[in-house]
Amino acid sequence: MGNRIQIVEVSPRDGLQADPADLSTATKIELVSRLAAAGHTRIEAASFVSPKAVPKMADGEGVMAGIDRVPGVRYSALALNQRGVERAIEAGADEINGVIVATETFSQRNQGATIEEAIARWRTISDTARAAGAATAVTISAACGCPFEGRVASSKIADIARIIADTEPDEIVVADTIGVGVPSQVVELFGLVAEAMPGAALRGHFHNTRNTALANIGAAVGAGVKVFDSSLGGVGGCPFAPRATGNVPTEDVVYMLHEMSYDTGLDLDALIATSTWLEEELGHEVPSLVAKAGGFPVATSE
C-alpha cells in the first residue's frame, strides 16, 4: 500500500450503538451515504447481534437494504454467532466482522460466552462467510486491558491469534476496547501478533478514553500497520464496558495522517461537514477536536 493508510469507518455501527441518541433507519442510511461520498471505501454499516442486547442496532436489515451501493465501497457488518452471520449474508454484507474478547469476565459480559466458546463461534462464522464469498475480519477485543480483570498480557493476545490462525481471516484487528493502551504496548502487541500469524493483514482499533488513541495509531503506523478503525466525530464506544467512551474521531486521525504525509483517500473538509451534520442529528456535541478547529491551510508561508 506504500504511503497509503486505509481507514475503516465504524460510526454507523460501533459509533451509534452506544450513543444516547436513537437515530432513524433513514438517518443511518444517509450517514453511510455521506461517508462514502467523503471517500470511504470500507464502512461498518450494521450489526447483526441480538436486538435485546443492542437495541439501537435492531434495524440492520433495513440499513443494508436502503444503502445505495457505491462501486468500490465495501459494506461490512458485525456478527457474533451463526444466526448473526446468516442474517448479515442475507442482507448483503461484503465483509463479516467477528469478535473474540481477551478476558473471560468481559467475554461473558459482552457475548455471553467463554473465550473458548467465542473462538468456536468465530470458526463457524468464518466458514459461513467464506462459503458465501464474503471477506472476514476478526477482532481480538480488550487487547490492552479489561474493565473487570485489569491489565492483559500481550502474550495472551498472541496466544489467541495463534489459535485462530488456521481460520485465515482476511484481517486480524487488535482492539484497545476501553482505551487504556499506550504506544510501547501497541508496538509490542502488533509485533507478537505478527509473529503468531505470519503474513496476516493487521488492523488497529483504538478508543480515545484516556486520550492516547492518536499516539497509539502513530506508533502502530511506525510498526508497519496500514489499516485503522475510526468513528466520525469520535462517537460511540463499547456499551458493555463501564466508562468505555471515546472512539477515536475519524477527522482527527485523517488530519494527523495527512500532516504526516500519508494518503487516506479521504476528503477532510467533507468529513468535517458530515461530522457537523451528525452532531445536529444526534442532538449533542461530538468529541472531535478537528471538527471544531478545522484543518490547516495547505500553503506554507516562506
C-alpha atoms as a PDB file:
ATOM      1  CA  MET A   1       0.000   0.000   0.000  1.00  0.00           C
ATOM      2  CA  GLY A   2       3.073   2.263   0.075  1.00  0.00           C
ATOM      3  CA  ASN A   3       2.205   5.621   1.627  1.00  0.00           C
ATOM      4  CA  ARG A   4      -1.497   4.800   1.802  1.00  0.00           C
ATOM      5  CA  ILE A   5      -3.263   4.301   5.138  1.00  0.00           C
ATOM      6  CA  GLN A   6      -6.763   2.867   4.937  1.00  0.00           C
ATOM      7  CA  ILE A   7      -9.451   3.990   7.361  1.00  0.00           C
ATOM      8  CA  VAL A   8     -12.350   1.676   8.183  1.00  0.00           C
ATOM      9  CA  GLU A   9     -15.265   3.911   9.207  1.00  0.00           C
ATOM     10  CA  VAL A  10     -17.173   2.400  12.144  1.00  0.00           C
ATOM     11  CA  SER A  11     -19.518   5.200  13.214  1.00  0.00           C
ATOM     12  CA  PRO A  12     -22.705   3.633  11.768  1.00  0.00           C
ATOM     13  CA  ARG A  13     -22.176   0.589  13.994  1.00  0.00           C
ATOM     14  CA  ASP A  14     -19.612   0.957  16.778  1.00  0.00           C
ATOM     15  CA  GLY A  15     -20.374   4.666  16.999  1.00  0.00           C
ATOM     16  CA  LEU A  16     -24.160   4.700  17.110  1.00  0.00           C
ATOM     17  CA  GLN A  17     -24.627   1.539  19.169  1.00  0.00           C
ATOM     18  CA  ALA A  18     -23.571   3.313  22.366  1.00  0.00           C
ATOM     19  CA  ASP A  19     -24.733   6.859  21.638  1.00  0.00           C
ATOM     20  CA  PRO A  20     -27.660   8.156  23.716  1.00  0.00           C
ATOM     21  CA  ALA A  21     -29.455   9.333  20.561  1.00  0.00           C
ATOM     22  CA  ASP A  22     -31.743   6.956  18.718  1.00  0.00           C
ATOM     23  CA  LEU A  23     -31.380   7.736  15.022  1.00  0.00           C
ATOM     24  CA  SER A  24     -33.907   6.578  12.456  1.00  0.00           C
ATOM     25  CA  THR A  25     -33.014   3.970   9.856  1.00  0.00           C
ATOM     26  CA  ALA A  26     -33.229   6.662   7.167  1.00  0.00           C
ATOM     27  CA  THR A  27     -30.710   8.842   9.022  1.00  0.00           C
ATOM     28  CA  LYS A  28     -28.316   5.908   9.411  1.00  0.00           C
ATOM     29  CA  ILE A  29     -28.580   5.254   5.682  1.00  0.00           C
ATOM     30  CA  GLU A  30     -27.827   8.904   4.962  1.00  0.00           C
ATOM     31  CA  LEU A  31     -24.792   8.740   7.258  1.00  0.00           C
ATOM     32  CA  VAL A  32     -23.432   5.777   5.306  1.00  0.00           C
ATOM     33  CA  SER A  33     -24.023   7.617   2.029  1.00  0.00           C
ATOM     34  CA  ARG A  34     -22.261  10.755   3.271  1.00  0.00           C
ATOM     35  CA  LEU A  35     -19.284   8.676   4.441  1.00  0.00           C
ATOM     36  CA  ALA A  36     -18.946   7.048   1.039  1.00  0.00           C
ATOM     37  CA  ALA A  37     -19.151  10.471  -0.625  1.00  0.00           C
ATOM     38  CA  ALA A  38     -16.259  11.647   1.578  1.00  0.00           C
ATOM     39  CA  GLY A  39     -14.091   8.905   0.118  1.00  0.00           C
ATOM     40  CA  HIS A  40     -14.508   5.956   2.473  1.00  0.00           C
ATOM     41  CA  THR A  41     -14.069   2.585   0.784  1.00  0.00           C
ATOM     42  CA  ARG A  42     -14.766   0.469   3.881  1.00  0.00           C
ATOM     43  CA  ILE A  43     -17.743   1.220   6.111  1.00  0.00           C
ATOM     44  CA  GLU A  44     -19.061  -0.865   9.015  1.00  0.00           C
ATOM     45  CA  ALA A  45     -22.691  -0.259   8.210  1.00  0.00           C
ATOM     46  CA  ALA A  46     -24.664  -2.536  10.514  1.00  0.00           C
ATOM     47  CA  SER A  47     -24.697  -5.056  13.329  1.00  0.00           C
ATOM     48  CA  PHE A  48     -26.487  -8.389  13.403  1.00  0.00           C
ATOM     49  CA  VAL A  49     -26.391  -9.177  17.095  1.00  0.00           C
ATOM     50  CA  SER A  50     -29.320  -9.741  19.422  1.00  0.00           C
ATOM     51  CA  PRO A  51     -31.710  -6.750  19.311  1.00  0.00           C
ATOM     52  CA  LYS A  52     -32.297  -7.270  23.033  1.00  0.00           C
ATOM     53  CA  ALA A  53     -28.594  -6.829  23.751  1.00  0.00           C
ATOM     54  CA  VAL A  54     -28.037  -3.838  21.435  1.00  0.00           C
ATOM     55  CA  PRO A  55     -31.460  -2.371  20.580  1.00  0.00           C
ATOM     56  CA  LYS A  56     -30.044   0.579  18.627  1.00  0.00           C
ATOM     57  CA  MET A  57     -28.732  -1.894  16.030  1.00  0.00           C
ATOM     58  CA  ALA A  58     -32.002  -3.784  15.577  1.00  0.00           C
ATOM     59  CA  ASP A  59     -32.591  -2.294  12.108  1.00  0.00           C
ATOM     60  CA  GLY A  60     -29.540  -3.846  10.447  1.00  0.00           C
ATOM     61  CA  GLU A  61     -31.553  -5.376   7.612  1.00  0.00           C
ATOM     62  CA  GLY A  62     -33.272  -2.060   6.927  1.00  0.00           C
ATOM     63  CA  VAL A  63     -29.998  -0.146   6.843  1.00  0.00           C
ATOM     64  CA  MET A  64     -28.331  -2.603   4.493  1.00  0.00           C
ATOM     65  CA  ALA A  65     -31.374  -2.723   2.214  1.00  0.00           C
ATOM     66  CA  GLY A  66     -31.574   1.069   1.989  1.00  0.00           C
ATOM     67  CA  ILE A  67     -27.942   1.779   1.151  1.00  0.00           C
ATOM     68  CA  ASP A  68     -27.300   2.990  -2.370  1.00  0.00           C
ATOM     69  CA  ARG A  69     -24.239   0.831  -3.023  1.00  0.00           C
ATOM     70  CA  VAL A  70     -21.250   2.737  -4.373  1.00  0.00           C
ATOM     71  CA  PRO A  71     -18.892   0.725  -6.618  1.00  0.00           C
ATOM     72  CA  GLY A  72     -15.598   0.090  -4.868  1.00  0.00           C
ATOM     73  CA  VAL A  73     -17.009   0.538  -1.360  1.00  0.00           C
ATOM     74  CA  ARG A  74     -17.100  -2.475   0.968  1.00  0.00           C
ATOM     75  CA  TYR A  75     -20.010  -2.517   3.439  1.00  0.00           C
ATOM     76  CA  SER A  76     -19.297  -4.697   6.462  1.00  0.00           C
ATOM     77  CA  ALA A  77     -21.353  -5.981   9.372  1.00  0.00           C
ATOM     78  CA  LEU A  78     -20.736  -7.365  12.851  1.00  0.00           C
ATOM     79  CA  ALA A  79     -21.859 -10.919  13.622  1.00  0.00           C
ATOM     80  CA  LEU A  80     -21.192 -12.865  16.815  1.00  0.00           C
ATOM     81  CA  ASN A  81     -22.880 -16.192  16.104  1.00  0.00           C
ATOM     82  CA  GLN A  82     -24.308 -18.387  13.359  1.00  0.00           C
ATOM     83  CA  ARG A  83     -27.676 -16.639  13.263  1.00  0.00           C
ATOM     84  CA  GLY A  84     -25.944 -13.275  13.048  1.00  0.00           C
ATOM     85  CA  VAL A  85     -23.703 -14.219  10.128  1.00  0.00           C
ATOM     86  CA  GLU A  86     -26.645 -15.756   8.265  1.00  0.00           C
ATOM     87  CA  ARG A  87     -28.609 -12.514   8.681  1.00  0.00           C
ATOM     88  CA  ALA A  88     -25.615 -10.425   7.598  1.00  0.00           C
ATOM     89  CA  ILE A  89     -25.007 -12.514   4.485  1.00  0.00           C
ATOM     90  CA  GLU A  90     -28.689 -12.424   3.556  1.00  0.00           C
ATOM     91  CA  ALA A  91     -28.628  -8.635   3.991  1.00  0.00           C
ATOM     92  CA  GLY A  92     -25.737  -8.357   1.541  1.00  0.00           C
ATOM     93  CA  ALA A  93     -22.748  -7.627   3.776  1.00  0.00           C
ATOM     94  CA  ASP A  94     -19.477  -7.650   1.830  1.00  0.00           C
ATOM     95  CA  GLU A  95     -17.414  -8.385   4.917  1.00  0.00           C
ATOM     96  CA  ILE A  96     -18.198 -10.113   8.210  1.00  0.00           C
ATOM     97  CA  ASN A  97     -16.522  -8.915  11.386  1.00  0.00           C
ATOM     98  CA  GLY A  98     -16.302 -11.249  14.389  1.00  0.00           C
ATOM     99  CA  VAL A  99     -15.047 -10.590  17.916  1.00  0.00           C
ATOM    100  CA  ILE A 100     -13.115 -12.617  20.459  1.00  0.00           C
ATOM    101  CA  VAL A 101     -12.739 -10.880  23.821  1.00  0.00           C
ATOM    102  CA  ALA A 102      -9.394 -11.491  25.526  1.00  0.00           C
ATOM    103  CA  THR A 103     -10.656 -11.978  29.096  1.00  0.00           C
ATOM    104  CA  GLU A 104     -13.208 -14.409  30.490  1.00  0.00           C
ATOM    105  CA  THR A 105     -15.217 -11.871  32.503  1.00  0.00           C
ATOM    106  CA  PHE A 106     -15.571  -9.377  29.680  1.00  0.00           C
ATOM    107  CA  SER A 107     -16.287 -12.164  27.191  1.00  0.00           C
ATOM    108  CA  GLN A 108     -19.203 -13.296  29.340  1.00  0.00           C
ATOM    109  CA  ARG A 109     -20.473  -9.719  29.707  1.00  0.00           C
ATOM    110  CA  ASN A 110     -20.058  -8.894  26.027  1.00  0.00           C
ATOM    111  CA  GLN A 111     -21.052 -12.149  24.316  1.00  0.00           C
ATOM    112  CA  GLY A 112     -22.392 -14.468  26.986  1.00  0.00           C
ATOM    113  CA  ALA A 113     -19.645 -16.933  26.129  1.00  0.00           C
ATOM    114  CA  THR A 114     -16.262 -18.103  27.367  1.00  0.00           C
ATOM    115  CA  ILE A 115     -13.199 -17.345  25.274  1.00  0.00           C
ATOM    116  CA  GLU A 116     -13.167 -20.954  24.077  1.00  0.00           C
ATOM    117  CA  GLU A 117     -16.830 -20.724  23.063  1.00  0.00           C
ATOM    118  CA  ALA A 118     -16.225 -17.406  21.285  1.00  0.00           C
ATOM    119  CA  ILE A 119     -13.380 -18.957  19.315  1.00  0.00           C
ATOM    120  CA  ALA A 120     -15.628 -21.865  18.320  1.00  0.00           C
ATOM    121  CA  ARG A 121     -18.296 -19.386  17.227  1.00  0.00           C
ATOM    122  CA  TRP A 122     -15.724 -17.496  15.179  1.00  0.00           C
ATOM    123  CA  ARG A 123     -14.791 -20.682  13.330  1.00  0.00           C
ATOM    124  CA  THR A 124     -18.428 -21.180  12.353  1.00  0.00           C
ATOM    125  CA  ILE A 125     -18.827 -17.530  11.378  1.00  0.00           C
ATOM    126  CA  SER A 126     -15.663 -17.660   9.288  1.00  0.00           C
ATOM    127  CA  ASP A 127     -16.701 -20.844   7.480  1.00  0.00           C
ATOM    128  CA  THR A 128     -20.175 -19.486   6.713  1.00  0.00           C
ATOM    129  CA  ALA A 129     -18.873 -16.128   5.498  1.00  0.00           C
ATOM    130  CA  ARG A 130     -16.249 -17.705   3.258  1.00  0.00           C
ATOM    131  CA  ALA A 131     -18.776 -20.103   1.781  1.00  0.00           C
ATOM    132  CA  ALA A 132     -20.888 -17.073   0.842  1.00  0.00           C
ATOM    133  CA  GLY A 133     -17.943 -15.260  -0.717  1.00  0.00           C
ATOM    134  CA  ALA A 134     -17.690 -12.567   1.977  1.00  0.00           C
ATOM    135  CA  ALA A 135     -14.423 -11.254   3.355  1.00  0.00           C
ATOM    136  CA  THR A 136     -13.660 -11.959   7.013  1.00  0.00           C
ATOM    137  CA  ALA A 137     -12.077  -9.964   9.815  1.00  0.00           C
ATOM    138  CA  VAL A 138     -11.766 -10.960  13.450  1.00  0.00           C
ATOM    139  CA  THR A 139     -11.163  -8.563  16.321  1.00  0.00           C
ATOM    140  CA  ILE A 140      -9.316  -9.509  19.489  1.00  0.00           C
ATOM    141  CA  SER A 141     -11.028  -7.156  21.888  1.00  0.00           C
ATOM    142  CA  ALA A 142      -9.764  -5.770  25.222  1.00  0.00           C
ATOM    143  CA  ALA A 143      -6.258  -6.384  23.908  1.00  0.00           C
ATOM    144  CA  CYS A 144      -4.688  -3.699  26.092  1.00  0.00           C
ATOM    145  CA  GLY A 145      -6.800  -4.112  29.206  1.00  0.00           C
ATOM    146  CA  CYS A 146     -10.122  -5.239  30.663  1.00  0.00           C
ATOM    147  CA  PRO A 147     -12.537  -3.180  32.792  1.00  0.00           C
ATOM    148  CA  PHE A 148     -13.116  -6.190  35.051  1.00  0.00           C
ATOM    149  CA  GLU A 149      -9.814  -8.083  35.154  1.00  0.00           C
ATOM    150  CA  GLY A 150      -7.338  -5.241  34.650  1.00  0.00           C
ATOM    151  CA  ARG A 151      -4.191  -5.445  32.565  1.00  0.00           C
ATOM    152  CA  VAL A 152      -3.937  -8.094  29.849  1.00  0.00           C
ATOM    153  CA  ALA A 153      -0.603  -9.660  28.957  1.00  0.00           C
ATOM    154  CA  SER A 154       0.391  -9.134  25.342  1.00  0.00           C
ATOM    155  CA  SER A 155       1.359 -12.805  25.190  1.00  0.00           C
ATOM    156  CA  LYS A 156      -2.291 -13.737  25.782  1.00  0.00           C
ATOM    157  CA  ILE A 157      -3.344 -11.816  22.684  1.00  0.00           C
ATOM    158  CA  ALA A 158      -0.645 -13.594  20.690  1.00  0.00           C
ATOM    159  CA  ASP A 159      -1.880 -16.951  22.029  1.00  0.00           C
ATOM    160  CA  ILE A 160      -5.424 -16.236  20.811  1.00  0.00           C
ATOM    161  CA  ALA A 161      -4.073 -15.163  17.425  1.00  0.00           C
ATOM    162  CA  ARG A 162      -2.078 -18.376  17.206  1.00  0.00           C
ATOM    163  CA  ILE A 163      -5.168 -20.489  17.982  1.00  0.00           C
ATOM    164  CA  ILE A 164      -7.281 -18.874  15.261  1.00  0.00           C
ATOM    165  CA  ALA A 165      -4.508 -18.641  12.666  1.00  0.00           C
ATOM    166  CA  ASP A 166      -5.872 -21.661  10.817  1.00  0.00           C
ATOM    167  CA  THR A 167      -9.112 -19.773  10.056  1.00  0.00           C
ATOM    168  CA  GLU A 168      -7.017 -17.486   7.839  1.00  0.00           C
ATOM    169  CA  PRO A 169      -9.020 -14.283   8.305  1.00  0.00           C
ATOM    170  CA  ASP A 170      -8.548 -11.617   5.668  1.00  0.00           C
ATOM    171  CA  GLU A 171      -7.648  -9.297   8.543  1.00  0.00           C
ATOM    172  CA  ILE A 172      -6.966  -9.533  12.255  1.00  0.00           C
ATOM    173  CA  VAL A 173      -7.857  -6.496  14.362  1.00  0.00           C
ATOM    174  CA  VAL A 174      -6.126  -5.623  17.623  1.00  0.00           C
ATOM    175  CA  ALA A 175      -8.578  -3.560  19.670  1.00  0.00           C
ATOM    176  CA  ASP A 176      -7.968  -1.372  22.704  1.00  0.00           C
ATOM    177  CA  THR A 177     -11.662  -1.536  23.553  1.00  0.00           C
ATOM    178  CA  ILE A 178     -11.549   0.567  26.700  1.00  0.00           C
ATOM    179  CA  GLY A 179      -8.781   2.972  25.755  1.00  0.00           C
ATOM    180  CA  VAL A 180      -6.029   2.049  28.215  1.00  0.00           C
ATOM    181  CA  GLY A 181      -3.174   1.248  25.828  1.00  0.00           C
ATOM    182  CA  VAL A 182      -0.012   3.273  25.252  1.00  0.00           C
ATOM    183  CA  PRO A 183       2.386   3.337  22.261  1.00  0.00           C
ATOM    184  CA  SER A 184       5.033   0.986  23.677  1.00  0.00           C
ATOM    185  CA  GLN A 185       2.360  -1.616  24.447  1.00  0.00           C
ATOM    186  CA  VAL A 186       0.859  -1.226  20.973  1.00  0.00           C
ATOM    187  CA  VAL A 187       4.188  -1.831  19.252  1.00  0.00           C
ATOM    188  CA  GLU A 188       4.748  -4.950  21.361  1.00  0.00           C
ATOM    189  CA  LEU A 189       1.238  -6.242  20.657  1.00  0.00           C
ATOM    190  CA  PHE A 190       1.437  -5.931  16.910  1.00  0.00           C
ATOM    191  CA  GLY A 191       4.888  -7.475  16.885  1.00  0.00           C
ATOM    192  CA  LEU A 192       3.692 -10.541  18.809  1.00  0.00           C
ATOM    193  CA  VAL A 193       0.515 -10.933  16.740  1.00  0.00           C
ATOM    194  CA  ALA A 194       2.539 -10.706  13.534  1.00  0.00           C
ATOM    195  CA  GLU A 195       4.801 -13.482  14.821  1.00  0.00           C
ATOM    196  CA  ALA A 196       1.778 -15.597  15.785  1.00  0.00           C
ATOM    197  CA  MET A 197       0.079 -15.112  12.396  1.00  0.00           C
ATOM    198  CA  PRO A 198       2.856 -14.641   9.812  1.00  0.00           C
ATOM    199  CA  GLY A 199       1.681 -12.776   6.743  1.00  0.00           C
ATOM    200  CA  ALA A 200      -1.695 -11.810   8.240  1.00  0.00           C
ATOM    201  CA  ALA A 201      -3.093  -8.370   7.425  1.00  0.00           C
ATOM    202  CA  LEU A 202      -3.185  -6.283  10.601  1.00  0.00           C
ATOM    203  CA  ARG A 203      -5.622  -3.559  11.657  1.00  0.00           C
ATOM    204  CA  GLY A 204      -5.799  -1.328  14.714  1.00  0.00           C
ATOM    205  CA  HIS A 205      -8.870  -0.255  16.666  1.00  0.00           C
ATOM    206  CA  PHE A 206      -8.159   2.323  19.367  1.00  0.00           C
ATOM    207  CA  HIS A 207     -10.523   4.109  21.712  1.00  0.00           C
ATOM    208  CA  ASN A 208      -9.641   7.554  22.982  1.00  0.00           C
ATOM    209  CA  THR A 209     -10.985   7.108  26.507  1.00  0.00           C
ATOM    210  CA  ARG A 210      -7.719   8.301  28.055  1.00  0.00           C
ATOM    211  CA  ASN A 211      -6.584  10.478  25.140  1.00  0.00           C
ATOM    212  CA  THR A 212      -3.978   8.010  23.852  1.00  0.00           C
ATOM    213  CA  ALA A 213      -5.613   6.813  20.605  1.00  0.00           C
ATOM    214  CA  LEU A 214      -3.772   9.138  18.212  1.00  0.00           C
ATOM    215  CA  ALA A 215      -0.436   8.361  19.851  1.00  0.00           C
ATOM    216  CA  ASN A 216      -1.222   4.648  19.563  1.00  0.00           C
ATOM    217  CA  ILE A 217      -2.112   4.967  15.883  1.00  0.00           C
ATOM    218  CA  GLY A 218       1.119   6.840  15.256  1.00  0.00           C
ATOM    219  CA  ALA A 219       3.060   4.073  16.985  1.00  0.00           C
ATOM    220  CA  ALA A 220       1.224   1.368  15.032  1.00  0.00           C
ATOM    221  CA  VAL A 221       1.944   3.153  11.742  1.00  0.00           C
ATOM    222  CA  GLY A 222       5.598   3.174  12.710  1.00  0.00           C
ATOM    223  CA  ALA A 223       5.327  -0.574  13.331  1.00  0.00           C
ATOM    224  CA  GLY A 224       4.001  -1.088   9.808  1.00  0.00           C
ATOM    225  CA  VAL A 225       0.237  -1.231  10.354  1.00  0.00           C
ATOM    226  CA  LYS A 226      -1.655   0.275   7.408  1.00  0.00           C
ATOM    227  CA  VAL A 227      -5.340  -0.082   8.358  1.00  0.00           C
ATOM    228  CA  PHE A 228      -7.217   1.528  11.258  1.00  0.00           C
ATOM    229  CA  ASP A 229     -10.773   1.841  12.513  1.00  0.00           C
ATOM    230  CA  SER A 230     -12.181   5.241  13.437  1.00  0.00           C
ATOM    231  CA  SER A 231     -15.567   6.797  14.090  1.00  0.00           C
ATOM    232  CA  LEU A 232     -16.803  10.071  12.614  1.00  0.00           C
ATOM    233  CA  GLY A 233     -16.885  12.716  15.307  1.00  0.00           C
ATOM    234  CA  GLY A 234     -15.499  10.219  17.819  1.00  0.00           C
ATOM    235  CA  VAL A 235     -18.997   8.973  18.625  1.00  0.00           C
ATOM    236  CA  GLY A 236     -19.649   5.725  20.417  1.00  0.00           C
ATOM    237  CA  GLY A 237     -17.785   3.189  22.456  1.00  0.00           C
ATOM    238  CA  CYS A 238     -18.481  -0.223  23.953  1.00  0.00           C
ATOM    239  CA  PRO A 239     -21.895  -0.437  25.690  1.00  0.00           C
ATOM    240  CA  PHE A 240     -20.735  -3.363  27.835  1.00  0.00           C
ATOM    241  CA  ALA A 241     -17.685  -1.723  29.412  1.00  0.00           C
ATOM    242  CA  PRO A 242     -18.084   0.858  32.215  1.00  0.00           C
ATOM    243  CA  ARG A 243     -16.876   4.337  31.188  1.00  0.00           C
ATOM    244  CA  ALA A 244     -15.510   2.991  27.880  1.00  0.00           C
ATOM    245  CA  THR A 245     -16.485   6.005  25.807  1.00  0.00           C
ATOM    246  CA  GLY A 246     -14.246   7.511  23.223  1.00  0.00           C
ATOM    247  CA  ASN A 247     -13.917   6.043  19.744  1.00  0.00           C
ATOM    248  CA  VAL A 248     -11.091   7.910  18.047  1.00  0.00           C
ATOM    249  CA  PRO A 249     -12.531  10.615  15.734  1.00  0.00           C
ATOM    250  CA  THR A 250     -12.048   9.996  12.030  1.00  0.00           C
ATOM    251  CA  GLU A 251     -11.371  13.673  11.332  1.00  0.00           C
ATOM    252  CA  ASP A 252      -8.622  13.803  13.952  1.00  0.00           C
ATOM    253  CA  VAL A 253      -6.965  10.648  12.590  1.00  0.00           C
ATOM    254  CA  VAL A 254      -7.152  11.865   8.995  1.00  0.00           C
ATOM    255  CA  TYR A 255      -5.728  15.279   9.871  1.00  0.00           C
ATOM    256  CA  MET A 256      -2.792  13.692  11.688  1.00  0.00           C
ATOM    257  CA  LEU A 257      -2.051  11.194   8.920  1.00  0.00           C
ATOM    258  CA  HIS A 258      -2.290  13.803   6.159  1.00  0.00           C
ATOM    259  CA  GLU A 259       0.082  16.081   8.056  1.00  0.00           C
ATOM    260  CA  MET A 260       2.446  13.091   8.345  1.00  0.00           C
ATOM    261  CA  SER A 261       2.308  12.878   4.515  1.00  0.00           C
ATOM    262  CA  TYR A 262       0.202   9.724   4.396  1.00  0.00           C
ATOM    263  CA  ASP A 263      -2.633   9.370   1.908  1.00  0.00           C
ATOM    264  CA  THR A 264      -6.017   8.170   3.194  1.00  0.00           C
ATOM    265  CA  GLY A 265      -8.068   8.937   0.089  1.00  0.00           C
ATOM    266  CA  LEU A 266     -10.451  10.885   2.315  1.00  0.00           C
ATOM    267  CA  ASP A 267     -11.710  14.459   1.973  1.00  0.00           C
ATOM    268  CA  LEU A 268     -11.121  16.102   5.360  1.00  0.00           C
ATOM    269  CA  ASP A 269     -13.451  19.027   4.638  1.00  0.00           C
ATOM    270  CA  ALA A 270     -16.247  16.629   3.676  1.00  0.00           C
ATOM    271  CA  LEU A 271     -15.674  14.649   6.873  1.00  0.00           C
ATOM    272  CA  ILE A 272     -15.849  17.801   8.981  1.00  0.00           C
ATOM    273  CA  ALA A 273     -19.070  18.871   7.250  1.00  0.00           C
ATOM    274  CA  THR A 274     -20.584  15.432   7.816  1.00  0.00           C
ATOM    275  CA  SER A 275     -19.480  15.480  11.455  1.00  0.00           C
ATOM    276  CA  THR A 276     -21.278  18.817  11.893  1.00  0.00           C
ATOM    277  CA  TRP A 277     -24.385  17.304  10.298  1.00  0.00           C
ATOM    278  CA  LEU A 278     -24.165  14.240  12.551  1.00  0.00           C
ATOM    279  CA  GLU A 279     -23.815  16.433  15.626  1.00  0.00           C
ATOM    280  CA  GLU A 280     -27.111  18.102  14.728  1.00  0.00           C
ATOM    281  CA  GLU A 281     -28.806  14.743  14.153  1.00  0.00           C
ATOM    282  CA  LEU A 282     -27.567  13.381  17.482  1.00  0.00           C
ATOM    283  CA  GLY A 283     -28.589  16.492  19.375  1.00  0.00           C
ATOM    284  CA  HIS A 284     -25.281  16.806  21.234  1.00  0.00           C
ATOM    285  CA  GLU A 285     -21.666  17.760  20.614  1.00  0.00           C
ATOM    286  CA  VAL A 286     -19.243  15.165  19.307  1.00  0.00           C
ATOM    287  CA  PRO A 287     -15.765  14.747  20.832  1.00  0.00           C
ATOM    288  CA  SER A 288     -13.770  15.503  17.668  1.00  0.00           C
ATOM    289  CA  LEU A 289     -11.386  18.441  18.013  1.00  0.00           C
ATOM    290  CA  VAL A 290     -10.644  18.792  14.311  1.00  0.00           C
ATOM    291  CA  ALA A 291     -14.380  19.081  13.638  1.00  0.00           C
ATOM    292  CA  LYS A 292     -14.309  22.172  15.871  1.00  0.00           C
ATOM    293  CA  ALA A 293     -10.957  23.672  14.867  1.00  0.00           C
ATOM    294  CA  GLY A 294     -10.940  22.695  11.203  1.00  0.00           C
ATOM    295  CA  GLY A 295      -7.971  21.642   9.108  1.00  0.00           C
ATOM    296  CA  PHE A 296      -4.867  23.704   8.496  1.00  0.00           C
ATOM    297  CA  PRO A 297      -4.029  25.600   5.274  1.00  0.00           C
ATOM    298  CA  VAL A 298      -2.038  23.628   2.746  1.00  0.00           C
ATOM    299  CA  ALA A 299       0.081  26.609   1.682  1.00  0.00           C
ATOM    300  CA  THR A 300       3.190  27.312   3.736  1.00  0.00           C
ATOM    301  CA  SER A 301       4.461  30.859   4.123  1.00  0.00           C
ATOM    302  CA  GLU A 302       8.096  31.375   3.304  1.00  0.00           C
END
